[in-house]
Structure formats: structure tokens, C-alpha cells
């Protein structure tokens, strides 16, 4: 083979190799070429599955009153209620039977037959990871939440007598003068539970269907009883003579207070003595019993009515 022929053959071989490399590079990843063709070993991660969680109360480590109801609000509607309820357990020391009750597809409340005993330690175990709550929708939580019942304080508002009686662990602490809901704006009857506490808050009638009838920017010592807007709160704007004598509020229970909130007023005293989870029972009002899903008002159902709302019964 002459030198010229050998050089020509080598040039053709190099050109062929370069052509193959160019084709591979043009084809993207993988030796087969073709921009849309993937190496089967690489793959793409599967899309995330739709998920749900239960937003729970009370918070971990809370110290609460004896009427605390464990409540979960789900981020997606639950259709397999039994599967989800099986993934949620509430235990206590001393031991109590605790049963769930569904209020629609997004809310599950759990409570014992009657109020917790003072000193009870309660544990909420969420084992919802991988539980299918609805077709194609799975839970993600595996979590334990604990809280403690501090003491058993129960308050009774007698609307007709314009008084609130506060009893702790069976001992009368104090009887306070109040003003409750007046004609056309009566206060619900029944057991309600303190769900939130605010040293100061704004109350605007437009947010609860009363239009511009009131807008008070600095209501002191406010404690929420219902989702719909019933509070126990301090009242500095009504004449002192109405407390213990007349009902003039828009449905809340008002206690004597001063502007800015006073620590030594009846409202200030009751606020300092109260915990989230304390029950407030209203009697002798010209209104119906509060709905059981309006705040933590499930105590107004009998035990038979409550357990009937479980998906496991």
C-alpha cells in the first residue's frame, strides 16, 4: 500500500468515527439518538399524589380547661371517614373512652362522655400517613400531640338573673354581674367553650351581620365562645347600672370593665382566671341551644347523639 493510499484510508476511517460521534451528540442523552427518547434507567420522578392533613387543636403542650374538645379540620374533603378515623386515636391518663363525631367532610371532633378530670394528661396520635381519605388523596401525618387539663372551672351565665357564677373544682369562686343579649339579639343557651383569648380586640357589627350598629376598636378581655361571634368580654361603654340588671348586648356576655381593660375589674378578674377549654353554660335565655358545631359546642349533644356521629359505630 502506498503512503498516499494509506493516508486516504486513515482519513476515511477518522471521518467515519467523527460522523458517528456527531450523530450521538446531536441525538442528546443515550446512545440511541433521538431527542425525545430517554434512557429507561433514568426515568422521571412520579408526580406527587394529592395529599391531605388534619389541622388540629389544641396545640402540643397546651394547658387547657376541662371541656376541651380535640378538633381536626382537614385540608381536603374526606369521603372514607372510617379509614381516617381509624388513623386518629385519643388516649388519656386516667383512661377515658374517647369517640369521634363528624361535622361534614372536613371536620372531626373527639371527646369523652363528660368533661375531663382535673390533672388529666391527653395524647392525640395521628397515623394518617398513607391513609386514603378520598379517591387518590392520601394523608401525610404521623404525629403525637399532648396536652394537660389544669383544673375543672365551670361558669354559668343566668341571663334572666343577669349573673355569672364561677365554680372551680366544686368551690364557688365568685358571682359576677353581667349583661347578655337584649331583645332581637339574644344569647344562645347551652354549653359553650372558650376557644380564643384576646387582651384587646376590635368588634365590628358588619362581620357578624349587624351592619353598622357598632364598631368598637378596643374591646378588652375578649374570649371567644362560638365561631359565629359569641364572646365573653369586658364592657366599658354601657352604663354601670345595666350590669346585673338589664340585657343590652348584641348576643355576647358583657362584664364590667374600664377603657383599656382593668386587672381588678370583674372582666379583668375573669379573664385572668380563665383558660382555653373552660366551659361557659348559658341558661334562661330567650334563644335556642347553640348548634353543636358552632365552636366547641358538641357538649350539647347527648352521648348517644355524639357516638352516632362516628364512622366506626
C-alpha atoms as a PDB file:
ATOM      1  CA  UNK A   1       0.000   0.000   0.000  1.00  0.00           C
ATOM      2  CA  UNK A   2       1.466   3.337  -0.989  1.00  0.00           C
ATOM      3  CA  UNK A   3       1.752   6.154   1.501  1.00  0.00           C
ATOM      4  CA  UNK A   4      -0.889   8.124  -0.327  1.00  0.00           C
ATOM      5  CA  UNK A   5      -3.356   5.234  -0.272  1.00  0.00           C
ATOM      6  CA  UNK A   6      -2.718   4.590   3.440  1.00  0.00           C
ATOM      7  CA  UNK A   7      -3.296   8.241   4.319  1.00  0.00           C
ATOM      8  CA  UNK A   8      -6.539   8.283   2.353  1.00  0.00           C
ATOM      9  CA  UNK A   9      -7.819   5.157   4.138  1.00  0.00           C
ATOM     10  CA  UNK A  10      -6.936   6.617   7.525  1.00  0.00           C
ATOM     11  CA  UNK A  11      -8.705   9.851   6.679  1.00  0.00           C
ATOM     12  CA  UNK A  12     -11.860   7.943   5.696  1.00  0.00           C
ATOM     13  CA  UNK A  13     -11.772   5.941   8.970  1.00  0.00           C
ATOM     14  CA  UNK A  14     -11.360   9.092  11.092  1.00  0.00           C
ATOM     15  CA  UNK A  15     -14.187  10.762   9.181  1.00  0.00           C
ATOM     16  CA  UNK A  16     -16.455   7.788   9.829  1.00  0.00           C
ATOM     17  CA  UNK A  17     -15.729   7.877  13.595  1.00  0.00           C
ATOM     18  CA  UNK A  18     -16.351  11.625  13.722  1.00  0.00           C
ATOM     19  CA  UNK A  19     -19.641  11.144  11.886  1.00  0.00           C
ATOM     20  CA  UNK A  20     -20.792   8.581  14.470  1.00  0.00           C
ATOM     21  CA  UNK A  21     -19.811  10.885  17.354  1.00  0.00           C
ATOM     22  CA  UNK A  22     -21.615  13.804  15.753  1.00  0.00           C
ATOM     23  CA  UNK A  23     -24.753  11.734  15.387  1.00  0.00           C
ATOM     24  CA  UNK A  24     -24.623  10.681  19.042  1.00  0.00           C
ATOM     25  CA  UNK A  25     -24.108  14.235  20.257  1.00  0.00           C
ATOM     26  CA  UNK A  26     -26.897  15.556  18.053  1.00  0.00           C
ATOM     27  CA  UNK A  27     -29.255  12.919  19.449  1.00  0.00           C
ATOM     28  CA  UNK A  28     -28.932  14.098  23.063  1.00  0.00           C
ATOM     29  CA  UNK A  29     -28.529  11.729  26.054  1.00  0.00           C
ATOM     30  CA  UNK A  30     -28.417   7.982  25.390  1.00  0.00           C
ATOM     31  CA  UNK A  31     -26.747   6.032  22.658  1.00  0.00           C
ATOM     32  CA  UNK A  32     -29.839   5.616  20.522  1.00  0.00           C
ATOM     33  CA  UNK A  33     -30.118   9.195  19.432  1.00  0.00           C
ATOM     34  CA  UNK A  34     -33.448  10.987  19.113  1.00  0.00           C
ATOM     35  CA  UNK A  35     -34.139  13.999  21.353  1.00  0.00           C
ATOM     36  CA  UNK A  36     -37.395  12.612  22.799  1.00  0.00           C
ATOM     37  CA  UNK A  37     -36.070   9.167  23.614  1.00  0.00           C
ATOM     38  CA  UNK A  38     -34.991   8.540  27.232  1.00  0.00           C
ATOM     39  CA  UNK A  39     -32.684   6.005  28.764  1.00  0.00           C
ATOM     40  CA  UNK A  40     -35.167   3.697  30.532  1.00  0.00           C
ATOM     41  CA  UNK A  41     -32.823   3.511  33.519  1.00  0.00           C
ATOM     42  CA  UNK A  42     -33.033   7.281  34.119  1.00  0.00           C
ATOM     43  CA  UNK A  43     -36.822   7.787  34.298  1.00  0.00           C
ATOM     44  CA  UNK A  44     -38.715  10.831  35.700  1.00  0.00           C
ATOM     45  CA  UNK A  45     -39.926  11.065  39.310  1.00  0.00           C
ATOM     46  CA  UNK A  46     -43.653  10.316  39.559  1.00  0.00           C
ATOM     47  CA  UNK A  47     -45.881  13.331  40.114  1.00  0.00           C
ATOM     48  CA  UNK A  48     -46.765  13.908  43.806  1.00  0.00           C
ATOM     49  CA  UNK A  49     -50.002  12.329  44.998  1.00  0.00           C
ATOM     50  CA  UNK A  50     -52.749  14.681  46.186  1.00  0.00           C
ATOM     51  CA  UNK A  51     -52.445  14.891  49.972  1.00  0.00           C
ATOM     52  CA  UNK A  52     -54.464  15.978  52.997  1.00  0.00           C
ATOM     53  CA  UNK A  53     -53.573  16.910  56.569  1.00  0.00           C
ATOM     54  CA  UNK A  54     -55.618  17.455  59.703  1.00  0.00           C
ATOM     55  CA  UNK A  55     -55.158  20.865  61.309  1.00  0.00           C
ATOM     56  CA  UNK A  56     -55.597  20.093  64.992  1.00  0.00           C
ATOM     57  CA  UNK A  57     -56.389  21.870  68.233  1.00  0.00           C
ATOM     58  CA  UNK A  58     -55.323  22.206  70.956  1.00  0.00           C
ATOM     59  CA  UNK A  59     -51.628  22.732  70.265  1.00  0.00           C
ATOM     60  CA  UNK A  60     -48.973  20.371  71.565  1.00  0.00           C
ATOM     61  CA  UNK A  61     -48.028  21.211  75.152  1.00  0.00           C
ATOM     62  CA  UNK A  62     -51.193  23.209  75.866  1.00  0.00           C
ATOM     63  CA  UNK A  63     -52.659  23.571  79.336  1.00  0.00           C
ATOM     64  CA  UNK A  64     -56.430  23.678  78.982  1.00  0.00           C
ATOM     65  CA  UNK A  65     -59.769  23.583  80.762  1.00  0.00           C
ATOM     66  CA  UNK A  66     -61.902  20.525  81.415  1.00  0.00           C
ATOM     67  CA  UNK A  67     -64.237  20.972  78.417  1.00  0.00           C
ATOM     68  CA  UNK A  68     -61.520  20.938  75.748  1.00  0.00           C
ATOM     69  CA  UNK A  69     -62.630  19.071  72.623  1.00  0.00           C
ATOM     70  CA  UNK A  70     -59.978  17.706  70.270  1.00  0.00           C
ATOM     71  CA  UNK A  71     -60.823  19.066  66.837  1.00  0.00           C
ATOM     72  CA  UNK A  72     -59.345  18.383  63.389  1.00  0.00           C
ATOM     73  CA  UNK A  73     -60.053  20.385  60.241  1.00  0.00           C
ATOM     74  CA  UNK A  74     -58.978  18.576  57.071  1.00  0.00           C
ATOM     75  CA  UNK A  75     -57.465  20.390  54.121  1.00  0.00           C
ATOM     76  CA  UNK A  76     -59.448  18.269  51.647  1.00  0.00           C
ATOM     77  CA  UNK A  77     -62.897  16.666  51.909  1.00  0.00           C
ATOM     78  CA  UNK A  78     -62.811  13.165  53.410  1.00  0.00           C
ATOM     79  CA  UNK A  79     -65.012  10.507  51.798  1.00  0.00           C
ATOM     80  CA  UNK A  80     -63.598   7.439  53.564  1.00  0.00           C
ATOM     81  CA  UNK A  81     -64.347   8.661  57.067  1.00  0.00           C
ATOM     82  CA  UNK A  82     -63.843   5.268  58.685  1.00  0.00           C
ATOM     83  CA  UNK A  83     -60.301   4.905  57.303  1.00  0.00           C
ATOM     84  CA  UNK A  84     -59.346   8.374  58.502  1.00  0.00           C
ATOM     85  CA  UNK A  85     -60.985   7.957  61.904  1.00  0.00           C
ATOM     86  CA  UNK A  86     -59.125   4.688  62.420  1.00  0.00           C
ATOM     87  CA  UNK A  87     -55.903   6.624  61.898  1.00  0.00           C
ATOM     88  CA  UNK A  88     -56.699   9.019  64.772  1.00  0.00           C
ATOM     89  CA  UNK A  89     -56.756   7.995  68.418  1.00  0.00           C
ATOM     90  CA  UNK A  90     -57.066   9.973  71.653  1.00  0.00           C
ATOM     91  CA  UNK A  91     -55.866   8.370  74.886  1.00  0.00           C
ATOM     92  CA  UNK A  92     -55.643   9.781  78.397  1.00  0.00           C
ATOM     93  CA  UNK A  93     -54.343   9.230  81.925  1.00  0.00           C
ATOM     94  CA  UNK A  94     -56.576   8.470  83.755  1.00  0.00           C
ATOM     95  CA  UNK A  95     -58.065   6.434  80.922  1.00  0.00           C
ATOM     96  CA  UNK A  96     -61.315   7.553  79.308  1.00  0.00           C
ATOM     97  CA  UNK A  97     -63.268   6.293  76.308  1.00  0.00           C
ATOM     98  CA  UNK A  98     -62.984   8.979  73.607  1.00  0.00           C
ATOM     99  CA  UNK A  99     -65.171   8.888  70.490  1.00  0.00           C
ATOM    100  CA  UNK A 100     -65.150  10.968  67.308  1.00  0.00           C
ATOM    101  CA  UNK A 101     -68.047  12.838  65.716  1.00  0.00           C
ATOM    102  CA  UNK A 102     -68.001  14.094  62.121  1.00  0.00           C
ATOM    103  CA  UNK A 103     -69.361  17.526  61.258  1.00  0.00           C
ATOM    104  CA  UNK A 104     -69.363  17.274  57.478  1.00  0.00           C
ATOM    105  CA  UNK A 105     -66.500  16.031  55.287  1.00  0.00           C
ATOM    106  CA  UNK A 106     -63.780  18.310  56.669  1.00  0.00           C
ATOM    107  CA  UNK A 107     -64.160  18.253  60.465  1.00  0.00           C
ATOM    108  CA  UNK A 108     -63.772  15.536  63.096  1.00  0.00           C
ATOM    109  CA  UNK A 109     -64.150  16.331  66.824  1.00  0.00           C
ATOM    110  CA  UNK A 110     -63.306  13.881  69.617  1.00  0.00           C
ATOM    111  CA  UNK A 111     -64.360  13.943  73.277  1.00  0.00           C
ATOM    112  CA  UNK A 112     -65.238  11.698  76.235  1.00  0.00           C
ATOM    113  CA  UNK A 113     -68.767  11.269  77.588  1.00  0.00           C
ATOM    114  CA  UNK A 114     -68.325  14.174  80.021  1.00  0.00           C
ATOM    115  CA  UNK A 115     -65.707  16.728  80.977  1.00  0.00           C
ATOM    116  CA  UNK A 116     -62.099  15.727  81.611  1.00  0.00           C
ATOM    117  CA  UNK A 117     -60.972  15.391  85.226  1.00  0.00           C
ATOM    118  CA  UNK A 118     -58.501  17.937  86.567  1.00  0.00           C
ATOM    119  CA  UNK A 119     -54.921  16.801  86.033  1.00  0.00           C
ATOM    120  CA  UNK A 120     -55.713  14.530  83.077  1.00  0.00           C
ATOM    121  CA  UNK A 121     -52.937  14.112  80.500  1.00  0.00           C
ATOM    122  CA  UNK A 122     -54.264  13.604  76.973  1.00  0.00           C
ATOM    123  CA  UNK A 123     -52.477  12.343  73.853  1.00  0.00           C
ATOM    124  CA  UNK A 124     -53.640  12.698  70.253  1.00  0.00           C
ATOM    125  CA  UNK A 125     -51.973  10.201  67.892  1.00  0.00           C
ATOM    126  CA  UNK A 126     -52.215  10.982  64.180  1.00  0.00           C
ATOM    127  CA  UNK A 127     -51.348   7.988  61.994  1.00  0.00           C
ATOM    128  CA  UNK A 128     -52.602   9.271  58.673  1.00  0.00           C
ATOM    129  CA  UNK A 129     -49.513   8.791  56.507  1.00  0.00           C
ATOM    130  CA  UNK A 130     -50.566   6.703  53.513  1.00  0.00           C
ATOM    131  CA  UNK A 131     -54.233   6.590  54.550  1.00  0.00           C
ATOM    132  CA  UNK A 132     -56.547   7.195  51.608  1.00  0.00           C
ATOM    133  CA  UNK A 133     -59.081   9.796  52.712  1.00  0.00           C
ATOM    134  CA  UNK A 134     -60.733  10.146  49.303  1.00  0.00           C
ATOM    135  CA  UNK A 135     -60.066   8.561  45.897  1.00  0.00           C
ATOM    136  CA  UNK A 136     -56.416   9.290  45.078  1.00  0.00           C
ATOM    137  CA  UNK A 137     -55.962  11.558  48.135  1.00  0.00           C
ATOM    138  CA  UNK A 138     -53.632  10.369  50.900  1.00  0.00           C
ATOM    139  CA  UNK A 139     -52.695  11.552  54.367  1.00  0.00           C
ATOM    140  CA  UNK A 140     -49.146  12.593  55.231  1.00  0.00           C
ATOM    141  CA  UNK A 141     -49.119  12.932  59.029  1.00  0.00           C
ATOM    142  CA  UNK A 142     -47.556  10.721  61.663  1.00  0.00           C
ATOM    143  CA  UNK A 143     -47.513  12.825  64.802  1.00  0.00           C
ATOM    144  CA  UNK A 144     -48.273  12.807  68.524  1.00  0.00           C
ATOM    145  CA  UNK A 145     -49.749  15.805  70.346  1.00  0.00           C
ATOM    146  CA  UNK A 146     -50.099  16.074  74.114  1.00  0.00           C
ATOM    147  CA  UNK A 147     -51.967  18.457  76.405  1.00  0.00           C
ATOM    148  CA  UNK A 148     -52.852  18.709  80.079  1.00  0.00           C
ATOM    149  CA  UNK A 149     -56.144  19.558  81.794  1.00  0.00           C
ATOM    150  CA  UNK A 150     -55.212  22.014  84.547  1.00  0.00           C
ATOM    151  CA  UNK A 151     -58.402  22.177  86.624  1.00  0.00           C
ATOM    152  CA  UNK A 152     -62.175  21.992  86.345  1.00  0.00           C
ATOM    153  CA  UNK A 153     -63.584  25.519  86.181  1.00  0.00           C
ATOM    154  CA  UNK A 154     -67.227  25.867  85.166  1.00  0.00           C
ATOM    155  CA  UNK A 155     -69.096  29.138  84.725  1.00  0.00           C
ATOM    156  CA  UNK A 156     -72.865  29.558  84.451  1.00  0.00           C
ATOM    157  CA  UNK A 157     -74.480  32.651  82.958  1.00  0.00           C
ATOM    158  CA  UNK A 158     -78.062  33.105  84.132  1.00  0.00           C
ATOM    159  CA  UNK A 159     -79.475  35.514  81.565  1.00  0.00           C
ATOM    160  CA  UNK A 160     -82.692  36.161  83.484  1.00  0.00           C
ATOM    161  CA  UNK A 161     -80.819  36.879  86.724  1.00  0.00           C
ATOM    162  CA  UNK A 162     -78.021  38.835  84.933  1.00  0.00           C
ATOM    163  CA  UNK A 163     -75.282  36.932  86.762  1.00  0.00           C
ATOM    164  CA  UNK A 164     -72.296  34.699  86.057  1.00  0.00           C
ATOM    165  CA  UNK A 165     -71.361  32.131  88.701  1.00  0.00           C
ATOM    166  CA  UNK A 166     -67.773  30.815  88.572  1.00  0.00           C
ATOM    167  CA  UNK A 167     -67.017  27.465  90.251  1.00  0.00           C
ATOM    168  CA  UNK A 168     -63.604  25.768  90.311  1.00  0.00           C
ATOM    169  CA  UNK A 169     -63.163  22.162  91.386  1.00  0.00           C
ATOM    170  CA  UNK A 170     -66.558  22.348  93.069  1.00  0.00           C
ATOM    171  CA  UNK A 171     -65.827  25.542  95.041  1.00  0.00           C
ATOM    172  CA  UNK A 172     -67.635  28.829  94.360  1.00  0.00           C
ATOM    173  CA  UNK A 173     -65.078  31.466  93.402  1.00  0.00           C
ATOM    174  CA  UNK A 174     -67.245  34.440  92.573  1.00  0.00           C
ATOM    175  CA  UNK A 175     -70.634  35.612  91.315  1.00  0.00           C
ATOM    176  CA  UNK A 176     -70.352  38.443  88.788  1.00  0.00           C
ATOM    177  CA  UNK A 177     -72.909  40.893  87.346  1.00  0.00           C
ATOM    178  CA  UNK A 178     -73.364  40.634  83.561  1.00  0.00           C
ATOM    179  CA  UNK A 179     -75.350  41.992  80.680  1.00  0.00           C
ATOM    180  CA  UNK A 180     -76.337  39.485  77.989  1.00  0.00           C
ATOM    181  CA  UNK A 181     -78.105  39.708  74.631  1.00  0.00           C
ATOM    182  CA  UNK A 182     -81.028  42.100  74.509  1.00  0.00           C
ATOM    183  CA  UNK A 183     -84.330  41.781  72.609  1.00  0.00           C
ATOM    184  CA  UNK A 184     -83.716  40.779  68.998  1.00  0.00           C
ATOM    185  CA  UNK A 185     -80.081  39.870  69.755  1.00  0.00           C
ATOM    186  CA  UNK A 186     -80.452  37.183  72.393  1.00  0.00           C
ATOM    187  CA  UNK A 187     -77.605  34.978  73.645  1.00  0.00           C
ATOM    188  CA  UNK A 188     -77.562  31.268  72.791  1.00  0.00           C
ATOM    189  CA  UNK A 189     -78.446  28.789  75.520  1.00  0.00           C
ATOM    190  CA  UNK A 190     -76.262  25.783  76.195  1.00  0.00           C
ATOM    191  CA  UNK A 191     -72.657  24.856  76.915  1.00  0.00           C
ATOM    192  CA  UNK A 192     -70.039  26.825  75.014  1.00  0.00           C
ATOM    193  CA  UNK A 193     -66.279  26.597  75.453  1.00  0.00           C
ATOM    194  CA  UNK A 194     -63.606  29.296  75.487  1.00  0.00           C
ATOM    195  CA  UNK A 195     -61.689  28.831  72.227  1.00  0.00           C
ATOM    196  CA  UNK A 196     -59.591  32.023  71.989  1.00  0.00           C
ATOM    197  CA  UNK A 197     -58.440  34.791  74.325  1.00  0.00           C
ATOM    198  CA  UNK A 198     -57.588  38.380  73.344  1.00  0.00           C
ATOM    199  CA  UNK A 199     -56.458  41.062  75.812  1.00  0.00           C
ATOM    200  CA  UNK A 200     -57.883  43.577  73.332  1.00  0.00           C
ATOM    201  CA  UNK A 201     -59.728  43.162  70.049  1.00  0.00           C
ATOM    202  CA  UNK A 202     -61.916  45.023  67.579  1.00  0.00           C
ATOM    203  CA  UNK A 203     -65.590  44.101  67.251  1.00  0.00           C
ATOM    204  CA  UNK A 204     -67.361  45.289  64.116  1.00  0.00           C
ATOM    205  CA  UNK A 205     -71.047  44.553  63.610  1.00  0.00           C
ATOM    206  CA  UNK A 206     -70.554  44.201  59.847  1.00  0.00           C
ATOM    207  CA  UNK A 207     -68.560  40.984  60.351  1.00  0.00           C
ATOM    208  CA  UNK A 208     -71.451  39.205  62.101  1.00  0.00           C
ATOM    209  CA  UNK A 209     -74.486  40.515  60.225  1.00  0.00           C
ATOM    210  CA  UNK A 210     -75.318  43.579  62.337  1.00  0.00           C
ATOM    211  CA  UNK A 211     -74.308  46.165  59.743  1.00  0.00           C
ATOM    212  CA  UNK A 212     -73.066  49.432  61.169  1.00  0.00           C
ATOM    213  CA  UNK A 213     -74.774  49.053  64.555  1.00  0.00           C
ATOM    214  CA  UNK A 214     -71.405  49.026  66.309  1.00  0.00           C
ATOM    215  CA  UNK A 215     -67.671  49.159  65.650  1.00  0.00           C
ATOM    216  CA  UNK A 216     -65.599  49.114  68.844  1.00  0.00           C
ATOM    217  CA  UNK A 217     -61.842  49.072  68.181  1.00  0.00           C
ATOM    218  CA  UNK A 218     -60.681  48.244  71.704  1.00  0.00           C
ATOM    219  CA  UNK A 219     -62.914  45.641  73.340  1.00  0.00           C
ATOM    220  CA  UNK A 220     -60.969  44.438  76.417  1.00  0.00           C
ATOM    221  CA  UNK A 221     -60.639  40.938  77.892  1.00  0.00           C
ATOM    222  CA  UNK A 222     -62.377  39.156  74.995  1.00  0.00           C
ATOM    223  CA  UNK A 223     -62.845  35.374  74.983  1.00  0.00           C
ATOM    224  CA  UNK A 224     -64.460  33.631  72.023  1.00  0.00           C
ATOM    225  CA  UNK A 225     -67.238  31.104  72.702  1.00  0.00           C
ATOM    226  CA  UNK A 226     -68.564  30.415  69.187  1.00  0.00           C
ATOM    227  CA  UNK A 227     -67.348  30.588  65.614  1.00  0.00           C
ATOM    228  CA  UNK A 228     -70.344  32.782  64.788  1.00  0.00           C
ATOM    229  CA  UNK A 229     -69.147  35.525  67.135  1.00  0.00           C
ATOM    230  CA  UNK A 230     -70.372  34.988  70.696  1.00  0.00           C
ATOM    231  CA  UNK A 231     -67.824  36.264  73.239  1.00  0.00           C
ATOM    232  CA  UNK A 232     -67.480  36.903  76.933  1.00  0.00           C
ATOM    233  CA  UNK A 233     -65.778  40.293  77.119  1.00  0.00           C
ATOM    234  CA  UNK A 234     -65.217  43.439  79.076  1.00  0.00           C
ATOM    235  CA  UNK A 235     -67.655  46.293  78.515  1.00  0.00           C
ATOM    236  CA  UNK A 236     -66.701  49.897  79.367  1.00  0.00           C
ATOM    237  CA  UNK A 237     -69.234  51.728  77.171  1.00  0.00           C
ATOM    238  CA  UNK A 238     -72.531  50.663  78.786  1.00  0.00           C
ATOM    239  CA  UNK A 239     -73.753  52.490  81.889  1.00  0.00           C
ATOM    240  CA  UNK A 240     -72.690  50.691  85.098  1.00  0.00           C
ATOM    241  CA  UNK A 241     -76.339  50.388  86.082  1.00  0.00           C
ATOM    242  CA  UNK A 242     -77.086  47.764  83.372  1.00  0.00           C
ATOM    243  CA  UNK A 243     -74.751  45.102  84.804  1.00  0.00           C
ATOM    244  CA  UNK A 244     -76.738  42.729  86.956  1.00  0.00           C
ATOM    245  CA  UNK A 245     -79.966  44.461  85.928  1.00  0.00           C
ATOM    246  CA  UNK A 246     -80.579  44.519  82.141  1.00  0.00           C
ATOM    247  CA  UNK A 247     -79.593  42.741  78.932  1.00  0.00           C
ATOM    248  CA  UNK A 248     -78.435  45.195  76.286  1.00  0.00           C
ATOM    249  CA  UNK A 249     -75.733  43.430  74.226  1.00  0.00           C
ATOM    250  CA  UNK A 250     -75.876  42.044  70.672  1.00  0.00           C
ATOM    251  CA  UNK A 251     -75.596  38.458  71.944  1.00  0.00           C
ATOM    252  CA  UNK A 252     -72.309  38.488  73.838  1.00  0.00           C
ATOM    253  CA  UNK A 253     -71.916  38.275  77.598  1.00  0.00           C
ATOM    254  CA  UNK A 254     -70.557  41.565  78.910  1.00  0.00           C
ATOM    255  CA  UNK A 255     -68.726  42.089  82.195  1.00  0.00           C
ATOM    256  CA  UNK A 256     -67.973  45.470  83.819  1.00  0.00           C
ATOM    257  CA  UNK A 257     -64.619  46.889  82.692  1.00  0.00           C
ATOM    258  CA  UNK A 258     -62.802  50.152  82.014  1.00  0.00           C
ATOM    259  CA  UNK A 259     -61.396  51.521  78.778  1.00  0.00           C
ATOM    260  CA  UNK A 260     -58.079  49.814  78.134  1.00  0.00           C
ATOM    261  CA  UNK A 261     -59.058  46.903  80.401  1.00  0.00           C
ATOM    262  CA  UNK A 262     -58.544  46.858  84.140  1.00  0.00           C
ATOM    263  CA  UNK A 263     -56.899  43.992  86.003  1.00  0.00           C
ATOM    264  CA  UNK A 264     -59.117  44.492  89.047  1.00  0.00           C
ATOM    265  CA  UNK A 265     -62.443  44.786  87.196  1.00  0.00           C
ATOM    266  CA  UNK A 266     -64.869  41.836  87.000  1.00  0.00           C
ATOM    267  CA  UNK A 267     -63.851  41.337  83.341  1.00  0.00           C
ATOM    268  CA  UNK A 268     -60.152  41.513  84.161  1.00  0.00           C
ATOM    269  CA  UNK A 269     -60.544  39.052  87.015  1.00  0.00           C
ATOM    270  CA  UNK A 270     -62.499  36.535  84.917  1.00  0.00           C
ATOM    271  CA  UNK A 271     -60.029  36.813  82.033  1.00  0.00           C
ATOM    272  CA  UNK A 272     -57.102  36.074  84.345  1.00  0.00           C
ATOM    273  CA  UNK A 273     -58.907  33.078  85.861  1.00  0.00           C
ATOM    274  CA  UNK A 274     -59.900  31.522  82.525  1.00  0.00           C
ATOM    275  CA  UNK A 275     -58.236  29.036  80.203  1.00  0.00           C
ATOM    276  CA  UNK A 276     -58.970  27.946  76.657  1.00  0.00           C
ATOM    277  CA  UNK A 277     -61.141  24.871  77.141  1.00  0.00           C
ATOM    278  CA  UNK A 278     -63.164  26.247  80.071  1.00  0.00           C
ATOM    279  CA  UNK A 279     -66.931  25.748  79.690  1.00  0.00           C
ATOM    280  CA  UNK A 280     -69.427  28.595  79.954  1.00  0.00           C
ATOM    281  CA  UNK A 281     -73.038  27.434  80.265  1.00  0.00           C
ATOM    282  CA  UNK A 282     -75.842  29.866  79.428  1.00  0.00           C
ATOM    283  CA  UNK A 283     -79.327  29.312  80.883  1.00  0.00           C
ATOM    284  CA  UNK A 284     -82.706  31.082  80.852  1.00  0.00           C
ATOM    285  CA  UNK A 285     -82.158  32.984  77.599  1.00  0.00           C
ATOM    286  CA  UNK A 286     -84.967  33.565  75.100  1.00  0.00           C
ATOM    287  CA  UNK A 287     -82.991  31.776  72.405  1.00  0.00           C
ATOM    288  CA  UNK A 288     -82.346  28.234  71.172  1.00  0.00           C
ATOM    289  CA  UNK A 289     -79.496  25.968  72.197  1.00  0.00           C
ATOM    290  CA  UNK A 290     -76.303  26.689  70.298  1.00  0.00           C
ATOM    291  CA  UNK A 291     -75.543  24.341  67.377  1.00  0.00           C
ATOM    292  CA  UNK A 292     -73.035  21.620  68.323  1.00  0.00           C
ATOM    293  CA  UNK A 293     -70.628  22.572  65.518  1.00  0.00           C
ATOM    294  CA  UNK A 294     -70.619  26.278  66.414  1.00  0.00           C
ATOM    295  CA  UNK A 295     -67.284  26.368  68.199  1.00  0.00           C
ATOM    296  CA  UNK A 296     -66.649  23.569  70.708  1.00  0.00           C
ATOM    297  CA  UNK A 297     -70.344  23.211  71.492  1.00  0.00           C
ATOM    298  CA  UNK A 298     -70.536  19.449  70.991  1.00  0.00           C
ATOM    299  CA  UNK A 299     -71.227  19.019  74.715  1.00  0.00           C
ATOM    300  CA  UNK A 300     -74.839  19.912  73.960  1.00  0.00           C
ATOM    301  CA  UNK A 301     -75.316  16.527  72.249  1.00  0.00           C
ATOM    302  CA  UNK A 302     -76.163  13.514  74.390  1.00  0.00           C
ATOM    303  CA  UNK A 303     -73.572  10.733  74.438  1.00  0.00           C
ATOM    304  CA  UNK A 304     -75.842   8.638  72.191  1.00  0.00           C
ATOM    305  CA  UNK A 305     -76.128  11.516  69.716  1.00  0.00           C
ATOM    306  CA  UNK A 306     -72.393  12.084  69.841  1.00  0.00           C
ATOM    307  CA  UNK A 307     -71.359   8.480  69.239  1.00  0.00           C
ATOM    308  CA  UNK A 308     -73.873   8.208  66.388  1.00  0.00           C
ATOM    309  CA  UNK A 309     -71.675  10.690  64.523  1.00  0.00           C
ATOM    310  CA  UNK A 310     -68.690   8.345  64.480  1.00  0.00           C
ATOM    311  CA  UNK A 311     -67.837   6.439  61.285  1.00  0.00           C
ATOM    312  CA  UNK A 312     -66.697   3.476  63.416  1.00  0.00           C
ATOM    313  CA  UNK A 313     -70.011   2.795  65.181  1.00  0.00           C
END
